[in-house]
Amino acid sequence: GLDRVLPVTLKNYKALLKRFPVLALLHHRPPRGDRGAQRHQEMEELVLELAAQVLEDKGVGFGLVDSEKDAAVAKKLGKGD
């Protein structure tokens, strides 16, 4: 199906802000080999996907910020290490 939760990168951050009146972001770190942590992240993404599906008509966007891959965005949002 359609992926409604978008990865947020430095390249697309400003475009997403313009595209959505409200942009909800989840800041996360990649799970470290722990199956439980990996499963937890999958469940978070699934819940975000459902919320995005319900709220897309209201102009609400959802994005994921990976603190390692997209450290520049995380830092810009005040979540950098």
PDB file of N, CA and C in Angstrom:
ATOM      1  N   GLY A   1       0.803  -1.184   0.000  1.00  0.00           N
ATOM      2  CA  GLY A   1       0.000   0.000   0.000  1.00  0.00           C
ATOM      3  C   GLY A   1       0.858   1.265   0.000  1.00  0.00           C
ATOM      4  N   LEU A   2       0.193   2.340   0.163  1.00  0.00           N
ATOM      5  CA  LEU A   2       0.808   3.657   0.186  1.00  0.00           C
ATOM      6  C   LEU A   2       1.519   3.877   1.518  1.00  0.00           C
ATOM      7  N   ASP A   3       2.769   4.296   1.475  1.00  0.00           N
ATOM      8  CA  ASP A   3       3.531   4.580   2.680  1.00  0.00           C
ATOM      9  C   ASP A   3       3.292   6.027   3.069  1.00  0.00           C
ATOM     10  N   ARG A   4       2.581   6.252   4.167  1.00  0.00           N
ATOM     11  CA  ARG A   4       2.209   7.600   4.573  1.00  0.00           C
ATOM     12  C   ARG A   4       3.174   8.207   5.587  1.00  0.00           C
ATOM     13  N   VAL A   5       3.976   7.376   6.243  1.00  0.00           N
ATOM     14  CA  VAL A   5       4.977   7.869   7.184  1.00  0.00           C
ATOM     15  C   VAL A   5       6.283   8.005   6.404  1.00  0.00           C
ATOM     16  N   LEU A   6       6.746   9.237   6.288  1.00  0.00           N
ATOM     17  CA  LEU A   6       7.869   9.531   5.408  1.00  0.00           C
ATOM     18  C   LEU A   6       9.176   9.659   6.175  1.00  0.00           C
ATOM     19  N   PRO A   7      10.262   9.166   5.602  1.00  0.00           N
ATOM     20  CA  PRO A   7      11.567   9.425   6.223  1.00  0.00           C
ATOM     21  C   PRO A   7      11.909  10.903   6.033  1.00  0.00           C
ATOM     22  N   VAL A   8      12.369  11.535   7.086  1.00  0.00           N
ATOM     23  CA  VAL A   8      12.699  12.956   7.028  1.00  0.00           C
ATOM     24  C   VAL A   8      14.212  13.099   6.943  1.00  0.00           C
ATOM     25  N   THR A   9      14.648  13.757   5.874  1.00  0.00           N
ATOM     26  CA  THR A   9      16.067  14.004   5.663  1.00  0.00           C
ATOM     27  C   THR A   9      16.292  15.506   5.563  1.00  0.00           C
ATOM     28  N   LEU A  10      17.527  15.904   5.605  1.00  0.00           N
ATOM     29  CA  LEU A  10      17.832  17.321   5.454  1.00  0.00           C
ATOM     30  C   LEU A  10      17.352  17.832   4.093  1.00  0.00           C
ATOM     31  N   LYS A  11      17.385  16.944   3.113  1.00  0.00           N
ATOM     32  CA  LYS A  11      17.000  17.300   1.748  1.00  0.00           C
ATOM     33  C   LYS A  11      15.492  17.568   1.610  1.00  0.00           C
ATOM     34  N   ASN A  12      14.658  16.795   2.308  1.00  0.00           N
ATOM     35  CA  ASN A  12      13.214  16.934   2.132  1.00  0.00           C
ATOM     36  C   ASN A  12      12.501  17.620   3.298  1.00  0.00           C
ATOM     37  N   TYR A  13      13.224  18.016   4.333  1.00  0.00           N
ATOM     38  CA  TYR A  13      12.621  18.593   5.543  1.00  0.00           C
ATOM     39  C   TYR A  13      11.783  19.843   5.236  1.00  0.00           C
ATOM     40  N   LYS A  14      12.350  20.799   4.550  1.00  0.00           N
ATOM     41  CA  LYS A  14      11.619  22.043   4.258  1.00  0.00           C
ATOM     42  C   LYS A  14      10.428  21.798   3.329  1.00  0.00           C
ATOM     43  N   ALA A  15      10.588  20.897   2.382  1.00  0.00           N
ATOM     44  CA  ALA A  15       9.481  20.576   1.477  1.00  0.00           C
ATOM     45  C   ALA A  15       8.317  19.952   2.247  1.00  0.00           C
ATOM     46  N   LEU A  16       8.625  19.106   3.225  1.00  0.00           N
ATOM     47  CA  LEU A  16       7.563  18.493   4.028  1.00  0.00           C
ATOM     48  C   LEU A  16       6.856  19.539   4.887  1.00  0.00           C
ATOM     49  N   LEU A  17       7.616  20.490   5.408  1.00  0.00           N
ATOM     50  CA  LEU A  17       7.000  21.568   6.195  1.00  0.00           C
ATOM     51  C   LEU A  17       6.034  22.390   5.347  1.00  0.00           C
ATOM     52  N   LYS A  18       6.372  22.590   4.084  1.00  0.00           N
ATOM     53  CA  LYS A  18       5.490  23.338   3.187  1.00  0.00           C
ATOM     54  C   LYS A  18       4.280  22.503   2.769  1.00  0.00           C
ATOM     55  N   ARG A  19       4.485  21.214   2.634  1.00  0.00           N
ATOM     56  CA  ARG A  19       3.430  20.315   2.143  1.00  0.00           C
ATOM     57  C   ARG A  19       2.320  20.091   3.161  1.00  0.00           C
ATOM     58  N   PHE A  20       2.690  20.020   4.460  1.00  0.00           N
ATOM     59  CA  PHE A  20       1.714  19.702   5.499  1.00  0.00           C
ATOM     60  C   PHE A  20       1.535  20.879   6.455  1.00  0.00           C
ATOM     61  N   PRO A  21       0.285  21.284   6.720  1.00  0.00           N
ATOM     62  CA  PRO A  21       0.052  22.323   7.723  1.00  0.00           C
ATOM     63  C   PRO A  21       0.536  21.887   9.111  1.00  0.00           C
ATOM     64  N   VAL A  22       0.405  20.586   9.393  1.00  0.00           N
ATOM     65  CA  VAL A  22       0.882  20.009  10.652  1.00  0.00           C
ATOM     66  C   VAL A  22       1.766  18.812  10.304  1.00  0.00           C
ATOM     67  N   LEU A  23       2.977  18.801  10.851  1.00  0.00           N
ATOM     68  CA  LEU A  23       3.911  17.707  10.593  1.00  0.00           C
ATOM     69  C   LEU A  23       4.348  17.125  11.928  1.00  0.00           C
ATOM     70  N   ALA A  24       3.951  15.891  12.189  1.00  0.00           N
ATOM     71  CA  ALA A  24       4.331  15.188  13.418  1.00  0.00           C
ATOM     72  C   ALA A  24       5.541  14.322  13.116  1.00  0.00           C
ATOM     73  N   LEU A  25       6.573  14.451  13.931  1.00  0.00           N
ATOM     74  CA  LEU A  25       7.813  13.720  13.701  1.00  0.00           C
ATOM     75  C   LEU A  25       8.127  12.800  14.864  1.00  0.00           C
ATOM     76  N   LEU A  26       8.581  11.610  14.552  1.00  0.00           N
ATOM     77  CA  LEU A  26       9.084  10.688  15.561  1.00  0.00           C
ATOM     78  C   LEU A  26      10.593  10.607  15.386  1.00  0.00           C
ATOM     79  N   HIS A  27      11.295  10.982  16.413  1.00  0.00           N
ATOM     80  CA  HIS A  27      12.756  10.924  16.425  1.00  0.00           C
ATOM     81  C   HIS A  27      13.130   9.574  17.025  1.00  0.00           C
ATOM     82  N   HIS A  28      13.941   8.799  16.320  1.00  0.00           N
ATOM     83  CA  HIS A  28      14.303   7.475  16.826  1.00  0.00           C
ATOM     84  C   HIS A  28      15.740   7.135  16.479  1.00  0.00           C
ATOM     85  N   ARG A  29      16.248   6.181  17.193  1.00  0.00           N
ATOM     86  CA  ARG A  29      17.546   5.585  16.890  1.00  0.00           C
ATOM     87  C   ARG A  29      17.284   4.189  16.349  1.00  0.00           C
ATOM     88  N   PRO A  30      18.111   3.739  15.430  1.00  0.00           N
ATOM     89  CA  PRO A  30      17.914   2.378  14.914  1.00  0.00           C
ATOM     90  C   PRO A  30      18.081   1.353  16.032  1.00  0.00           C
ATOM     91  N   PRO A  31      17.251   0.308  16.044  1.00  0.00           N
ATOM     92  CA  PRO A  31      17.395  -0.729  17.071  1.00  0.00           C
ATOM     93  C   PRO A  31      18.742  -1.444  16.947  1.00  0.00           C
ATOM     94  N   ARG A  32      19.291  -1.829  18.058  1.00  0.00           N
ATOM     95  CA  ARG A  32      20.617  -2.441  18.107  1.00  0.00           C
ATOM     96  C   ARG A  32      20.561  -3.961  18.248  1.00  0.00           C
ATOM     97  N   GLY A  33      20.135  -4.636  17.218  1.00  0.00           N
ATOM     98  CA  GLY A  33      20.178  -6.095  17.202  1.00  0.00           C
ATOM     99  C   GLY A  33      19.227  -6.784  18.161  1.00  0.00           C
ATOM    100  N   ASP A  34      18.693  -6.080  19.114  1.00  0.00           N
ATOM    101  CA  ASP A  34      17.758  -6.638  20.072  1.00  0.00           C
ATOM    102  C   ASP A  34      16.416  -6.839  19.373  1.00  0.00           C
ATOM    103  N   ARG A  35      15.953  -8.046  19.301  1.00  0.00           N
ATOM    104  CA  ARG A  35      14.704  -8.355  18.586  1.00  0.00           C
ATOM    105  C   ARG A  35      13.515  -7.610  19.194  1.00  0.00           C
ATOM    106  N   GLY A  36      13.507  -7.465  20.517  1.00  0.00           N
ATOM    107  CA  GLY A  36      12.425  -6.750  21.174  1.00  0.00           C
ATOM    108  C   GLY A  36      12.398  -5.283  20.777  1.00  0.00           C
ATOM    109  N   ALA A  37      13.569  -4.654  20.716  1.00  0.00           N
ATOM    110  CA  ALA A  37      13.657  -3.248  20.320  1.00  0.00           C
ATOM    111  C   ALA A  37      13.244  -3.076  18.866  1.00  0.00           C
ATOM    112  N   GLN A  38      13.637  -4.019  18.036  1.00  0.00           N
ATOM    113  CA  GLN A  38      13.274  -3.963  16.623  1.00  0.00           C
ATOM    114  C   GLN A  38      11.754  -4.102  16.461  1.00  0.00           C
ATOM    115  N   ARG A  39      11.180  -5.007  17.198  1.00  0.00           N
ATOM    116  CA  ARG A  39       9.728  -5.216  17.138  1.00  0.00           C
ATOM    117  C   ARG A  39       8.982  -3.975  17.642  1.00  0.00           C
ATOM    118  N   HIS A  40       9.516  -3.354  18.704  1.00  0.00           N
ATOM    119  CA  HIS A  40       8.918  -2.131  19.250  1.00  0.00           C
ATOM    120  C   HIS A  40       8.902  -1.026  18.199  1.00  0.00           C
ATOM    121  N   GLN A  41       9.993  -0.867  17.482  1.00  0.00           N
ATOM    122  CA  GLN A  41      10.061   0.157  16.440  1.00  0.00           C
ATOM    123  C   GLN A  41       9.078  -0.151  15.313  1.00  0.00           C
ATOM    124  N   GLU A  42       8.957  -1.404  14.942  1.00  0.00           N
ATOM    125  CA  GLU A  42       8.002  -1.786  13.898  1.00  0.00           C
ATOM    126  C   GLU A  42       6.575  -1.445  14.323  1.00  0.00           C
ATOM    127  N   MET A  43       6.264  -1.676  15.599  1.00  0.00           N
ATOM    128  CA  MET A  43       4.923  -1.369  16.104  1.00  0.00           C
ATOM    129  C   MET A  43       4.677   0.144  16.127  1.00  0.00           C
ATOM    130  N   GLU A  44       5.690   0.924  16.509  1.00  0.00           N
ATOM    131  CA  GLU A  44       5.558   2.383  16.481  1.00  0.00           C
ATOM    132  C   GLU A  44       5.263   2.867  15.070  1.00  0.00           C
ATOM    133  N   GLU A  45       5.980   2.324  14.109  1.00  0.00           N
ATOM    134  CA  GLU A  45       5.772   2.727  12.718  1.00  0.00           C
ATOM    135  C   GLU A  45       4.384   2.317  12.231  1.00  0.00           C
ATOM    136  N   LEU A  46       3.917   1.167  12.661  1.00  0.00           N
ATOM    137  CA  LEU A  46       2.581   0.714  12.274  1.00  0.00           C
ATOM    138  C   LEU A  46       1.507   1.641  12.850  1.00  0.00           C
ATOM    139  N   VAL A  47       1.657   2.040  14.108  1.00  0.00           N
ATOM    140  CA  VAL A  47       0.706   2.963  14.731  1.00  0.00           C
ATOM    141  C   VAL A  47       0.740   4.314  14.019  1.00  0.00           C
ATOM    142  N   LEU A  48       1.937   4.790  13.691  1.00  0.00           N
ATOM    143  CA  LEU A  48       2.045   6.050  12.946  1.00  0.00           C
ATOM    144  C   LEU A  48       1.374   5.943  11.587  1.00  0.00           C
ATOM    145  N   GLU A  49       1.542   4.818  10.938  1.00  0.00           N
ATOM    146  CA  GLU A  49       0.931   4.596   9.628  1.00  0.00           C
ATOM    147  C   GLU A  49      -0.599   4.671   9.733  1.00  0.00           C
ATOM    148  N   LEU A  50      -1.145   4.065  10.774  1.00  0.00           N
ATOM    149  CA  LEU A  50      -2.599   4.116  10.975  1.00  0.00           C
ATOM    150  C   LEU A  50      -3.072   5.535  11.273  1.00  0.00           C
ATOM    151  N   ALA A  51      -2.336   6.244  12.122  1.00  0.00           N
ATOM    152  CA  ALA A  51      -2.690   7.633  12.433  1.00  0.00           C
ATOM    153  C   ALA A  51      -2.613   8.494  11.173  1.00  0.00           C
ATOM    154  N   ALA A  52      -1.587   8.275  10.375  1.00  0.00           N
ATOM    155  CA  ALA A  52      -1.424   9.045   9.139  1.00  0.00           C
ATOM    156  C   ALA A  52      -2.580   8.781   8.176  1.00  0.00           C
ATOM    157  N   GLN A  53      -3.019   7.533   8.124  1.00  0.00           N
ATOM    158  CA  GLN A  53      -4.132   7.181   7.238  1.00  0.00           C
ATOM    159  C   GLN A  53      -5.403   7.906   7.675  1.00  0.00           C
ATOM    160  N   VAL A  54      -5.646   7.965   8.971  1.00  0.00           N
ATOM    161  CA  VAL A  54      -6.851   8.606   9.491  1.00  0.00           C
ATOM    162  C   VAL A  54      -6.790  10.126   9.315  1.00  0.00           C
ATOM    163  N   LEU A  55      -5.598  10.711   9.487  1.00  0.00           N
ATOM    164  CA  LEU A  55      -5.477  12.174   9.511  1.00  0.00           C
ATOM    165  C   LEU A  55      -5.016  12.814   8.200  1.00  0.00           C
ATOM    166  N   GLU A  56      -4.770  12.011   7.172  1.00  0.00           N
ATOM    167  CA  GLU A  56      -4.261  12.597   5.934  1.00  0.00           C
ATOM    168  C   GLU A  56      -5.231  13.596   5.313  1.00  0.00           C
ATOM    169  N   ASP A  57      -6.528  13.389   5.458  1.00  0.00           N
ATOM    170  CA  ASP A  57      -7.514  14.329   4.918  1.00  0.00           C
ATOM    171  C   ASP A  57      -7.531  15.651   5.676  1.00  0.00           C
ATOM    172  N   LYS A  58      -6.978  15.652   6.880  1.00  0.00           N
ATOM    173  CA  LYS A  58      -6.917  16.868   7.707  1.00  0.00           C
ATOM    174  C   LYS A  58      -5.623  17.640   7.484  1.00  0.00           C
ATOM    175  N   GLY A  59      -4.756  17.150   6.612  1.00  0.00           N
ATOM    176  CA  GLY A  59      -3.503  17.841   6.322  1.00  0.00           C
ATOM    177  C   GLY A  59      -2.391  17.566   7.310  1.00  0.00           C
ATOM    178  N   VAL A  60      -2.494  16.465   8.046  1.00  0.00           N
ATOM    179  CA  VAL A  60      -1.461  16.113   9.020  1.00  0.00           C
ATOM    180  C   VAL A  60      -0.510  15.106   8.384  1.00  0.00           C
ATOM    181  N   GLY A  61       0.778  15.422   8.416  1.00  0.00           N
ATOM    182  CA  GLY A  61       1.794  14.525   7.892  1.00  0.00           C
ATOM    183  C   GLY A  61       2.599  13.909   9.018  1.00  0.00           C
ATOM    184  N   PHE A  62       3.145  12.740   8.780  1.00  0.00           N
ATOM    185  CA  PHE A  62       3.949  12.036   9.773  1.00  0.00           C
ATOM    186  C   PHE A  62       5.296  11.680   9.166  1.00  0.00           C
ATOM    187  N   GLY A  63       6.338  11.864   9.949  1.00  0.00           N
ATOM    188  CA  GLY A  63       7.674  11.553   9.468  1.00  0.00           C
ATOM    189  C   GLY A  63       8.535  10.926  10.541  1.00  0.00           C
ATOM    190  N   LEU A  64       9.536  10.194  10.092  1.00  0.00           N
ATOM    191  CA  LEU A  64      10.510   9.565  10.982  1.00  0.00           C
ATOM    192  C   LEU A  64      11.864  10.221  10.776  1.00  0.00           C
ATOM    193  N   VAL A  65      12.506  10.578  11.877  1.00  0.00           N
ATOM    194  CA  VAL A  65      13.846  11.139  11.831  1.00  0.00           C
ATOM    195  C   VAL A  65      14.784  10.131  12.462  1.00  0.00           C
ATOM    196  N   ASP A  66      15.672   9.565  11.672  1.00  0.00           N
ATOM    197  CA  ASP A  66      16.677   8.623  12.160  1.00  0.00           C
ATOM    198  C   ASP A  66      17.852   9.439  12.699  1.00  0.00           C
ATOM    199  N   SER A  67      18.120   9.309  13.983  1.00  0.00           N
ATOM    200  CA  SER A  67      19.140  10.150  14.616  1.00  0.00           C
ATOM    201  C   SER A  67      20.547   9.872  14.120  1.00  0.00           C
ATOM    202  N   GLU A  68      20.778   8.708  13.539  1.00  0.00           N
ATOM    203  CA  GLU A  68      22.113   8.398  13.013  1.00  0.00           C
ATOM    204  C   GLU A  68      22.230   8.772  11.539  1.00  0.00           C
ATOM    205  N   LYS A  69      21.288   8.325  10.722  1.00  0.00           N
ATOM    206  CA  LYS A  69      21.346   8.609   9.291  1.00  0.00           C
ATOM    207  C   LYS A  69      21.074  10.070   8.977  1.00  0.00           C
ATOM    208  N   ASP A  70      20.237  10.693   9.777  1.00  0.00           N
ATOM    209  CA  ASP A  70      19.834  12.079   9.525  1.00  0.00           C
ATOM    210  C   ASP A  70      20.166  12.957  10.731  1.00  0.00           C
ATOM    211  N   ALA A  71      21.416  12.879  11.156  1.00  0.00           N
ATOM    212  CA  ALA A  71      21.867  13.626  12.338  1.00  0.00           C
ATOM    213  C   ALA A  71      21.697  15.131  12.160  1.00  0.00           C
ATOM    214  N   ALA A  72      21.843  15.633  10.955  1.00  0.00           N
ATOM    215  CA  ALA A  72      21.702  17.072  10.710  1.00  0.00           C
ATOM    216  C   ALA A  72      20.277  17.532  10.991  1.00  0.00           C
ATOM    217  N   VAL A  73      19.297  16.744  10.601  1.00  0.00           N
ATOM    218  CA  VAL A  73      17.902  17.095  10.872  1.00  0.00           C
ATOM    219  C   VAL A  73      17.635  17.002  12.370  1.00  0.00           C
ATOM    220  N   ALA A  74      18.131  15.938  12.996  1.00  0.00           N
ATOM    221  CA  ALA A  74      17.934  15.767  14.434  1.00  0.00           C
ATOM    222  C   ALA A  74      18.531  16.950  15.191  1.00  0.00           C
ATOM    223  N   LYS A  75      19.700  17.382  14.776  1.00  0.00           N
ATOM    224  CA  LYS A  75      20.341  18.515  15.429  1.00  0.00           C
ATOM    225  C   LYS A  75      19.519  19.796  15.217  1.00  0.00           C
ATOM    226  N   LYS A  76      19.015  19.973  14.011  1.00  0.00           N
ATOM    227  CA  LYS A  76      18.199  21.145  13.685  1.00  0.00           C
ATOM    228  C   LYS A  76      16.939  21.181  14.573  1.00  0.00           C
ATOM    229  N   LEU A  77      16.419  20.013  14.902  1.00  0.00           N
ATOM    230  CA  LEU A  77      15.227  19.918  15.726  1.00  0.00           C
ATOM    231  C   LEU A  77      15.552  19.881  17.225  1.00  0.00           C
ATOM    232  N   GLY A  78      16.826  19.997  17.544  1.00  0.00           N
ATOM    233  CA  GLY A  78      17.223  20.004  18.958  1.00  0.00           C
ATOM    234  C   GLY A  78      17.320  18.627  19.572  1.00  0.00           C
ATOM    235  N   LYS A  79      17.413  17.583  18.746  1.00  0.00           N
ATOM    236  CA  LYS A  79      17.479  16.213  19.238  1.00  0.00           C
ATOM    237  C   LYS A  79      18.837  15.561  18.958  1.00  0.00           C
ATOM    238  N   GLY A  80      19.786  16.309  18.495  1.00  0.00           N
ATOM    239  CA  GLY A  80      21.105  15.751  18.184  1.00  0.00           C
ATOM    240  C   GLY A  80      21.883  15.429  19.442  1.00  0.00           C
ATOM    241  N   ASP A  81      22.824  14.516  19.319  1.00  0.00           N
ATOM    242  CA  ASP A  81      23.643  14.112  20.473  1.00  0.00           C
ATOM    243  C   ASP A  81      24.667  15.148  20.825  1.00  0.00           C
TER     244      ASP A  81
END
